[in-house]
Amino acid sequence: MNKEPVKKAKKGILSIVFSRISLLAVLLIIQIALIVGTVTYLEDYATYIYVIFIVLEVISVVYIINSKSKICSDRHIKIYIYIANEIPEFSDLDLCVLLGNALDNAIEGVSGEGNNEIYLELRNVDNFFMISVKNTIINSVLEYNPNLISTKNEKEVHGLGILSMKEVVQKYNGSIEFYESDNKFCCDMLLDIPDNMQFKSKNVHNRTNY
């Protein structure tokens, strides 16, 4: 099969939807579409965008947290999860962009030596909703890579993760900060809570996974 249309299609779809969902989820769904024969050469943009957004209907914050927790368990990474009793009803897709990318970065960022730990916290701070993701490190990340440039292959794909996070934060008049403290790499995101936004009870239990 000629792979050139696939390469062109992948770049096209990423430029359209990268700000809406986890890039890894997009690529995974496209792979599934190819395997089951839904889209033969990925040239029909309308078809596979439709397939992507149908699948996204079942992707939720709970799914993201549970799936990343399972990855941590498989890699012997301890993850601490704290979620406030009530959280604002932001778009699930936007929250999945923030949580999916931040947790992926944390999972990749743990040293692989000593205490491999990730801390996830979701809570309300005054008029803001805070998402905080931290992972243990041995050596400073920001000292050697202050601009957080991806060191992976296909940098045009992986580098869009932080860009998509920044776009979502900007959408809600918030902020995103990367810093290091106590031998941890930290990512704190704040989203402004609109006055008319409803709150919902959490459906993920606070826990520590080993």
Protein backbone atom coordinates (compact mmCIF):
# COMPACT_ATOMS: atom_id res chain seq x y z
CA MET A 1 0.00 0.00 0.00
CA ASN A 2 1.23 3.47 -0.86
CA LYS A 3 2.00 5.11 2.49
CA GLU A 4 2.23 8.65 1.15
CA PRO A 5 -1.54 9.34 1.40
CA VAL A 6 -1.43 8.06 4.98
CA LYS A 7 1.38 10.46 5.88
CA LYS A 8 -0.44 13.40 4.31
CA ALA A 9 -3.71 12.46 5.96
CA LYS A 10 -2.10 12.13 9.37
CA LYS A 11 -0.62 15.62 9.19
CA GLY A 12 -3.93 17.01 7.97
CA ILE A 13 -6.01 15.49 10.73
CA LEU A 14 -3.55 16.51 13.43
CA SER A 15 -3.71 20.13 12.33
CA ILE A 16 -7.51 20.04 12.58
CA VAL A 17 -8.19 18.24 15.84
CA PHE A 18 -5.03 18.41 17.95
CA SER A 19 -6.53 21.10 20.18
CA ARG A 20 -9.58 19.00 20.97
CA ILE A 21 -8.28 15.64 22.11
CA SER A 22 -5.23 13.65 23.06
CA LEU A 23 -3.02 13.19 20.02
CA LEU A 24 -2.21 9.65 21.03
CA ALA A 25 -5.93 8.89 21.06
CA VAL A 26 -6.28 10.29 17.53
CA LEU A 27 -3.47 8.14 16.19
CA LEU A 28 -4.81 5.07 17.97
CA ILE A 29 -8.30 5.56 16.54
CA ILE A 30 -6.89 6.05 13.03
CA GLN A 31 -4.93 2.82 13.43
CA ILE A 32 -8.11 1.00 14.46
CA ALA A 33 -9.94 2.46 11.47
CA LEU A 34 -7.22 1.08 9.19
CA ILE A 35 -7.26 -2.35 10.81
CA VAL A 36 -11.02 -2.82 10.57
CA GLY A 37 -11.11 -1.39 7.06
CA THR A 38 -13.32 1.60 7.90
CA VAL A 39 -11.01 3.87 5.89
CA THR A 40 -8.76 2.30 3.29
CA TYR A 41 -6.24 5.05 2.59
CA LEU A 42 -7.35 7.71 5.06
CA GLU A 43 -8.02 10.01 2.11
CA ASP A 44 -11.68 10.56 2.97
CA TYR A 45 -11.23 13.20 5.69
CA ALA A 46 -14.96 13.49 6.44
CA THR A 47 -15.30 9.75 7.07
CA TYR A 48 -12.48 9.29 9.55
CA ILE A 49 -13.18 12.55 11.38
CA TYR A 50 -16.72 11.21 11.83
CA VAL A 51 -15.34 7.90 13.13
CA ILE A 52 -13.05 9.73 15.56
CA PHE A 53 -15.78 11.83 17.11
CA ILE A 54 -18.15 8.85 17.45
CA VAL A 55 -15.47 7.01 19.42
CA LEU A 56 -14.81 10.13 21.49
CA GLU A 57 -18.36 9.98 22.81
CA VAL A 58 -17.25 7.16 25.11
CA ILE A 59 -13.98 8.77 26.19
CA SER A 60 -14.31 10.48 29.54
CA VAL A 61 -12.23 11.82 32.39
CA VAL A 62 -12.87 8.60 34.31
CA TYR A 63 -11.60 6.55 31.37
CA ILE A 64 -8.45 8.66 31.05
CA ILE A 65 -7.62 8.43 34.77
CA ASN A 66 -8.32 4.70 34.98
CA SER A 67 -6.40 3.87 31.80
CA LYS A 68 -3.36 5.90 32.86
CA SER A 69 -3.53 4.32 36.33
CA LYS A 70 -3.42 0.90 34.68
CA ILE A 71 -0.31 1.92 32.73
CA CYS A 72 1.30 3.09 35.97
CA SER A 73 0.48 -0.23 37.62
CA ASP A 74 1.98 -2.16 34.71
CA ARG A 75 5.16 -0.09 34.92
CA HIS A 76 5.38 -0.27 38.73
CA ILE A 77 4.75 3.44 39.12
CA LYS A 78 2.91 4.51 42.27
CA ILE A 79 0.17 7.05 41.49
CA TYR A 80 -1.61 9.12 44.13
CA ILE A 81 -5.00 10.48 43.08
CA TYR A 82 -6.93 13.18 44.91
CA ILE A 83 -10.11 14.67 43.44
CA ALA A 84 -12.36 17.18 45.18
CA ASN A 85 -15.89 16.05 46.08
CA GLU A 86 -17.37 18.32 43.40
CA ILE A 87 -15.75 19.48 40.19
CA PRO A 88 -16.95 21.99 37.55
CA GLU A 89 -18.67 20.61 34.46
CA PHE A 90 -16.03 21.59 31.92
CA SER A 91 -16.07 19.84 28.56
CA ASP A 92 -14.93 16.23 28.97
CA LEU A 93 -12.95 16.52 25.75
CA ASP A 94 -11.04 19.55 27.03
CA LEU A 95 -10.31 17.87 30.37
CA CYS A 96 -9.17 14.75 28.52
CA VAL A 97 -6.70 16.85 26.53
CA LEU A 98 -5.22 18.25 29.74
CA LEU A 99 -5.24 15.05 31.77
CA GLY A 100 -4.22 12.74 28.94
CA ASN A 101 -1.21 14.77 27.88
CA ALA A 102 -0.09 15.72 31.41
CA LEU A 103 -0.30 12.12 32.64
CA ASP A 104 1.44 10.79 29.52
CA ASN A 105 4.27 13.26 30.12
CA ALA A 106 4.48 12.27 33.78
CA ILE A 107 4.57 8.55 32.98
CA GLU A 108 7.37 9.13 30.47
CA GLY A 109 9.12 11.51 32.85
CA VAL A 110 9.62 9.26 35.87
CA SER A 111 13.24 8.27 36.16
CA GLY A 112 12.86 4.49 36.17
CA GLU A 113 15.11 4.40 39.23
CA GLY A 114 14.28 4.66 42.92
CA ASN A 115 10.84 5.97 43.87
CA ASN A 116 8.72 6.26 40.74
CA GLU A 117 5.72 8.28 41.79
CA ILE A 118 3.03 10.42 40.15
CA TYR A 119 0.67 12.76 41.97
CA LEU A 120 -2.65 13.82 40.41
CA GLU A 121 -4.80 16.43 42.10
CA LEU A 122 -8.04 18.03 40.90
CA ARG A 123 -9.56 20.66 43.16
CA ASN A 124 -11.16 24.07 43.27
CA VAL A 125 -9.03 27.05 44.26
CA ASP A 126 -11.13 30.19 44.78
CA ASN A 127 -12.72 30.83 41.34
CA PHE A 128 -10.39 28.44 39.53
CA PHE A 129 -10.29 24.72 38.90
CA MET A 130 -6.79 23.32 39.36
CA ILE A 131 -5.32 20.27 37.70
CA SER A 132 -1.93 19.40 39.15
CA VAL A 133 0.26 16.56 37.87
CA LYS A 134 3.67 15.85 39.39
CA ASN A 135 6.23 13.11 38.83
CA THR A 136 9.43 12.25 40.63
CA ILE A 137 12.74 12.98 38.92
CA ILE A 138 16.39 12.45 39.75
CA ASN A 139 17.89 15.13 37.50
CA SER A 140 16.44 18.49 36.57
CA VAL A 141 14.41 18.55 33.37
CA LEU A 142 14.13 22.31 33.03
CA GLU A 143 17.85 22.89 33.52
CA TYR A 144 18.70 20.92 30.39
CA ASN A 145 15.46 21.37 28.45
CA PRO A 146 13.86 24.66 29.57
CA ASN A 147 11.59 24.87 26.51
CA LEU A 148 10.41 21.26 26.98
CA ILE A 149 11.28 20.32 23.41
CA SER A 150 10.30 16.72 22.70
CA THR A 151 13.19 14.28 22.44
CA LYS A 152 11.02 11.61 20.81
CA ASN A 153 10.82 10.64 17.17
CA GLU A 154 8.17 12.46 15.11
CA LYS A 155 8.57 15.68 17.06
CA GLU A 156 5.83 17.34 15.02
CA VAL A 157 3.38 14.90 16.61
CA HIS A 158 4.61 14.74 20.19
CA GLY A 159 5.38 18.47 20.41
CA LEU A 160 1.72 19.30 19.83
CA GLY A 161 0.75 17.84 23.20
CA ILE A 162 1.85 20.87 25.22
CA LEU A 163 0.50 23.21 22.55
CA SER A 164 -2.93 21.59 22.80
CA MET A 165 -2.82 21.91 26.60
CA LYS A 166 -1.98 25.59 26.34
CA GLU A 167 -4.83 26.19 23.91
CA VAL A 168 -7.38 24.56 26.20
CA VAL A 169 -6.12 26.56 29.20
CA GLN A 170 -6.33 29.76 27.16
CA LYS A 171 -9.90 28.89 26.17
CA TYR A 172 -10.89 29.09 29.85
CA ASN A 173 -8.83 32.22 30.64
CA GLY A 174 -6.48 30.12 32.74
CA SER A 175 -2.79 29.45 33.09
CA ILE A 176 -0.32 26.58 32.86
CA GLU A 177 2.97 26.42 34.72
CA PHE A 178 5.86 23.98 34.60
CA TYR A 179 8.31 23.98 37.49
CA GLU A 180 10.35 21.71 39.74
CA SER A 181 10.08 21.26 43.48
CA ASP A 182 11.17 18.59 45.96
CA ASN A 183 12.69 16.36 43.26
CA LYS A 184 9.46 16.48 41.29
CA PHE A 185 8.57 17.87 37.88
CA CYS A 186 5.29 19.73 38.25
CA CYS A 187 2.58 20.85 35.84
CA ASP A 188 -0.13 23.07 37.34
CA MET A 189 -3.10 24.17 35.25
CA LEU A 190 -5.76 26.65 36.34
CA LEU A 191 -9.10 27.07 34.55
CA ASP A 192 -11.38 30.02 35.32
CA ILE A 193 -14.77 28.75 36.51
CA PRO A 194 -17.60 30.73 34.85
CA ASP A 195 -20.26 32.06 37.22
CA ASN A 196 -23.01 30.00 35.59
CA MET A 197 -21.11 26.71 35.46
CA GLN A 198 -22.66 23.72 37.21
CA PHE A 199 -20.76 21.34 39.46
CA LYS A 200 -20.97 17.56 39.53
CA SER A 201 -20.05 14.95 42.10
CA LYS A 202 -16.84 13.12 41.37
CA ASN A 203 -17.11 9.55 40.11
CA VAL A 204 -13.47 8.61 40.65
CA HIS A 205 -12.35 7.57 44.12
CA ASN A 206 -9.30 9.08 45.75
CA ARG A 207 -6.73 6.33 45.88
CA THR A 208 -3.13 5.22 45.70
CA ASN A 209 -2.31 2.69 43.00
CA TYR A 210 0.80 0.53 43.20
